[in-house]
């Protein structure tokens, strides 16, 4: 599993796979995560996500629930079967009640947590803390 040294202090930072069909969402999440030293890979659909997941076994997957081709619910279920200990956060936007219904379904499929889009900068620290659990990594790095 690849790890990255954060600012030369010997602290290993997590790797995150961001899965979303919207390139703008992927870009925002990439920038927010890389800003705190996280190594990020991206997939635009569930099929690409599964290829990257099998190849790199990231510390965390942030997966949109509604996508073309292999949707997020199916992708989360497949990842959970392949790696029962994988850490997965489901995300969804749109109407708040619809998003909540989809995120509840995602948690039934195996997502550990669920967040409503847009993801705020303040939530990135929670994501990093979630990655760090069981890895011996200190809590959130300083936010820029």
Protein backbone atom coordinates (compact mmCIF):
# COMPACT_ATOMS: atom_id res chain seq x y z
CA UNK A 1 0.00 0.00 0.00
CA UNK A 2 1.59 3.28 -1.04
CA UNK A 3 2.15 5.92 1.60
CA UNK A 4 3.59 9.38 1.38
CA UNK A 5 5.83 11.23 3.78
CA UNK A 6 4.21 14.49 4.85
CA UNK A 7 6.54 17.49 4.88
CA UNK A 8 9.60 15.38 5.62
CA UNK A 9 8.58 14.67 9.20
CA UNK A 10 8.37 10.91 8.73
CA UNK A 11 4.60 10.93 9.18
CA UNK A 12 2.91 8.63 6.69
CA UNK A 13 -0.16 10.09 5.06
CA UNK A 14 -3.00 8.09 3.61
CA UNK A 15 -3.79 7.40 -0.02
CA UNK A 16 -7.30 8.21 -1.18
CA UNK A 17 -9.20 7.11 -4.27
CA UNK A 18 -11.81 9.70 -5.29
CA UNK A 19 -14.60 8.25 -7.44
CA UNK A 20 -17.01 10.70 -9.08
CA UNK A 21 -18.29 11.20 -12.61
CA UNK A 22 -18.08 14.99 -12.21
CA UNK A 23 -14.55 16.22 -13.00
CA UNK A 24 -15.15 19.42 -11.00
CA UNK A 25 -15.93 17.42 -7.83
CA UNK A 26 -12.84 15.27 -8.36
CA UNK A 27 -10.70 18.37 -8.83
CA UNK A 28 -12.01 20.05 -5.67
CA UNK A 29 -11.50 16.92 -3.58
CA UNK A 30 -8.04 16.36 -5.07
CA UNK A 31 -6.97 19.93 -4.23
CA UNK A 32 -8.38 19.78 -0.69
CA UNK A 33 -6.73 16.43 0.02
CA UNK A 34 -3.39 17.18 -1.62
CA UNK A 35 -3.29 20.45 0.30
CA UNK A 36 -2.92 18.39 3.48
CA UNK A 37 -0.39 15.97 1.97
CA UNK A 38 -2.66 13.12 0.90
CA UNK A 39 -1.83 11.10 -2.20
CA UNK A 40 -4.92 11.10 -4.44
CA UNK A 41 -5.96 8.96 -7.38
CA UNK A 42 -9.17 9.48 -9.34
CA UNK A 43 -11.77 7.42 -11.17
CA UNK A 44 -14.72 8.71 -13.17
CA UNK A 45 -16.89 5.60 -12.82
CA UNK A 46 -17.22 2.40 -10.86
CA UNK A 47 -15.42 0.21 -13.39
CA UNK A 48 -12.33 2.43 -13.40
CA UNK A 49 -12.54 2.65 -9.61
CA UNK A 50 -12.46 -1.13 -9.27
CA UNK A 51 -9.36 -1.37 -11.50
CA UNK A 52 -7.55 1.25 -9.40
CA UNK A 53 -8.78 -0.25 -6.13
CA UNK A 54 -7.47 -3.70 -7.03
CA UNK A 55 -4.13 -2.28 -8.20
CA UNK A 56 -3.35 0.10 -5.33
CA UNK A 57 -5.57 -0.73 -2.33
CA UNK A 58 -5.92 2.87 -1.15
CA UNK A 59 -6.37 3.67 2.52
CA UNK A 60 -9.72 5.25 1.77
CA UNK A 61 -12.24 5.45 -1.05
CA UNK A 62 -14.55 8.45 -1.39
CA UNK A 63 -17.27 7.28 -3.77
CA UNK A 64 -20.15 9.16 -5.36
CA UNK A 65 -23.36 7.16 -5.20
CA UNK A 66 -24.91 8.26 -8.52
CA UNK A 67 -22.71 7.60 -11.56
CA UNK A 68 -23.19 6.15 -15.03
CA UNK A 69 -22.03 2.61 -15.88
CA UNK A 70 -21.26 0.91 -12.56
CA UNK A 71 -22.98 3.14 -10.01
CA UNK A 72 -21.64 3.93 -6.57
CA UNK A 73 -23.87 1.50 -4.70
CA UNK A 74 -22.69 -1.38 -6.87
CA UNK A 75 -19.08 -0.20 -6.63
CA UNK A 76 -19.20 0.04 -2.83
CA UNK A 77 -20.67 -3.45 -2.59
CA UNK A 78 -17.96 -4.85 -4.90
CA UNK A 79 -15.18 -3.15 -2.94
CA UNK A 80 -16.56 -4.39 0.36
CA UNK A 81 -16.66 -7.99 -0.93
CA UNK A 82 -13.10 -7.73 -2.25
CA UNK A 83 -11.68 -6.05 0.86
CA UNK A 84 -13.94 -6.29 3.93
CA UNK A 85 -11.70 -3.94 5.95
CA UNK A 86 -11.60 -1.21 3.27
CA UNK A 87 -12.56 2.26 4.42
CA UNK A 88 -15.26 3.78 2.25
CA UNK A 89 -17.05 7.11 2.43
CA UNK A 90 -20.11 7.53 0.20
CA UNK A 91 -20.96 11.00 -1.12
CA UNK A 92 -24.03 12.32 -2.89
CA UNK A 93 -25.49 15.65 -3.86
CA UNK A 94 -28.72 16.83 -5.36
CA UNK A 95 -31.85 17.21 -3.30
CA UNK A 96 -31.11 16.78 0.38
CA UNK A 97 -33.80 14.14 1.06
CA UNK A 98 -32.87 12.17 -2.08
CA UNK A 99 -29.18 12.37 -1.16
CA UNK A 100 -29.90 11.15 2.36
CA UNK A 101 -31.91 8.18 1.03
CA UNK A 102 -29.08 7.25 -1.34
CA UNK A 103 -26.46 7.66 1.36
CA UNK A 104 -28.45 5.45 3.73
CA UNK A 105 -28.58 2.81 0.99
CA UNK A 106 -24.82 3.21 0.47
CA UNK A 107 -24.20 2.51 4.14
CA UNK A 108 -26.35 -0.63 3.88
CA UNK A 109 -24.13 -1.69 0.93
CA UNK A 110 -20.99 -1.26 3.02
CA UNK A 111 -19.96 2.39 3.18
CA UNK A 112 -18.52 3.29 6.58
CA UNK A 113 -19.64 6.92 6.45
CA UNK A 114 -21.72 9.18 4.24
CA UNK A 115 -21.33 12.86 3.37
CA UNK A 116 -23.59 15.20 1.43
CA UNK A 117 -21.94 17.16 -1.39
CA UNK A 118 -20.45 19.63 -1.61
CA UNK A 119 -17.67 18.47 0.69
CA UNK A 120 -16.46 21.36 2.81
CA UNK A 121 -12.84 22.07 3.71
CA UNK A 122 -13.73 21.51 7.37
CA UNK A 123 -14.76 17.92 6.58
CA UNK A 124 -11.35 17.04 5.14
CA UNK A 125 -9.85 16.79 8.64
CA UNK A 126 -12.52 14.23 9.55
CA UNK A 127 -11.72 12.26 6.40
CA UNK A 128 -8.00 12.24 7.23
CA UNK A 129 -8.70 11.17 10.82
CA UNK A 130 -10.88 8.34 9.51
CA UNK A 131 -8.01 7.18 7.26
CA UNK A 132 -5.53 7.33 10.12
CA UNK A 133 -7.45 5.01 12.44
CA UNK A 134 -5.59 1.71 12.88
CA UNK A 135 -2.55 2.99 10.95
CA UNK A 136 -0.71 4.59 13.85
CA UNK A 137 -0.87 7.94 12.09
CA UNK A 138 -1.37 11.07 14.17
CA UNK A 139 -4.65 12.93 13.80
CA UNK A 140 -5.19 15.56 11.14
CA UNK A 141 -2.26 17.49 9.74
CA UNK A 142 -2.42 21.28 9.95
CA UNK A 143 -4.86 22.84 7.50
CA UNK A 144 -3.49 25.48 5.15
